[in-house]
Protein backbone atom coordinates (compact mmCIF):
# COMPACT_ATOMS: atom_id res chain seq x y z
CA MET A 1 106.91 118.32 160.33
CA GLU A 2 105.41 114.82 160.23
CA ARG A 3 104.28 115.34 156.63
CA ARG A 4 107.83 116.24 155.54
CA LYS A 5 109.18 113.12 157.21
CA ARG A 6 106.62 110.92 155.44
CA THR A 7 107.34 112.61 152.10
CA ARG A 8 111.07 111.99 152.54
CA GLU A 9 110.44 108.32 153.38
CA LEU A 10 108.32 107.88 150.25
CA ILE A 11 110.96 109.53 148.08
CA GLU A 12 113.64 107.27 149.56
CA LEU A 13 111.53 104.17 148.90
CA GLY A 14 111.01 105.25 145.30
CA GLY A 15 114.75 105.73 145.04
CA LEU A 16 115.30 102.14 146.16
CA VAL A 17 112.99 100.86 143.43
CA GLN A 18 114.96 102.92 140.93
CA LYS A 19 118.35 101.91 142.38
CA SER A 20 117.44 98.22 142.18
CA GLY A 21 116.88 98.50 138.44
CA LEU A 22 113.35 97.15 138.75
CA ALA A 23 111.66 100.27 137.37
CA GLU A 24 113.85 100.25 134.27
CA LEU A 25 113.46 96.50 133.69
CA MET A 26 109.69 96.92 133.80
CA SER A 27 109.72 100.06 131.65
CA ASP A 28 108.25 102.05 134.54
CA ASP A 29 105.03 100.00 134.28
CA ARG A 30 103.46 100.96 137.59
CA ALA A 31 100.85 98.19 137.51
CA ALA A 32 103.59 95.57 136.98
CA LEU A 33 105.74 97.13 139.71
CA LEU A 34 102.85 97.04 142.17
CA GLY A 35 102.09 93.45 141.19
CA ALA A 36 105.71 92.48 141.79
CA LEU A 37 105.72 94.17 145.18
CA LEU A 38 102.46 92.47 146.15
CA THR A 39 104.02 89.13 145.21
CA LEU A 40 106.94 89.93 147.54
CA VAL A 41 104.50 90.69 150.34
CA GLU A 42 102.76 87.35 149.77
CA SER A 43 106.09 85.51 149.85
CA LEU A 44 106.86 87.04 153.25
CA ASP A 45 103.56 85.76 154.61
CA ASP A 46 104.40 82.06 154.25
CA ASP A 47 106.58 79.68 156.27
CA ARG A 48 109.81 80.92 154.65
CA GLY A 49 109.03 84.61 155.13
CA ALA A 50 111.51 85.23 157.94
CA ASP A 51 114.29 83.47 156.03
CA LEU A 52 113.56 85.47 152.88
CA LEU A 53 113.59 88.74 154.79
CA LEU A 54 116.95 87.88 156.32
CA LEU A 55 118.36 86.95 152.90
CA TRP A 56 117.06 90.16 151.31
CA ARG A 57 118.39 92.29 154.18
CA ARG A 58 121.87 90.79 153.83
CA ARG A 59 121.85 91.25 150.08
CA GLY A 60 120.67 94.84 150.43
CA LYS A 61 123.34 95.66 152.99
CA ARG A 62 126.01 94.26 150.67
CA ALA A 63 124.65 96.33 147.78
CA PHE A 64 124.74 99.49 149.89
CA ALA A 65 128.28 98.68 151.03
CA ILE A 66 129.60 98.36 147.48
CA GLY A 67 127.50 101.22 146.14
CA ALA A 68 125.51 99.06 143.72
CA GLY A 69 122.88 100.61 141.56
């Protein structure tokens, strides 16, 4: 059962990448996508990380509310 849950989570995360438009903008270049995500991780690890996370969470919630993507 745990494997199914993990598989579902991974599929949902992939769906978010697709929904954001990032995959299409980068022509599904997986190396570029990973590089972009790693840059996001680095930006969360600095002094402004908590503020960025809050900003991104608010923006994401608004996008879900209006059905963006």
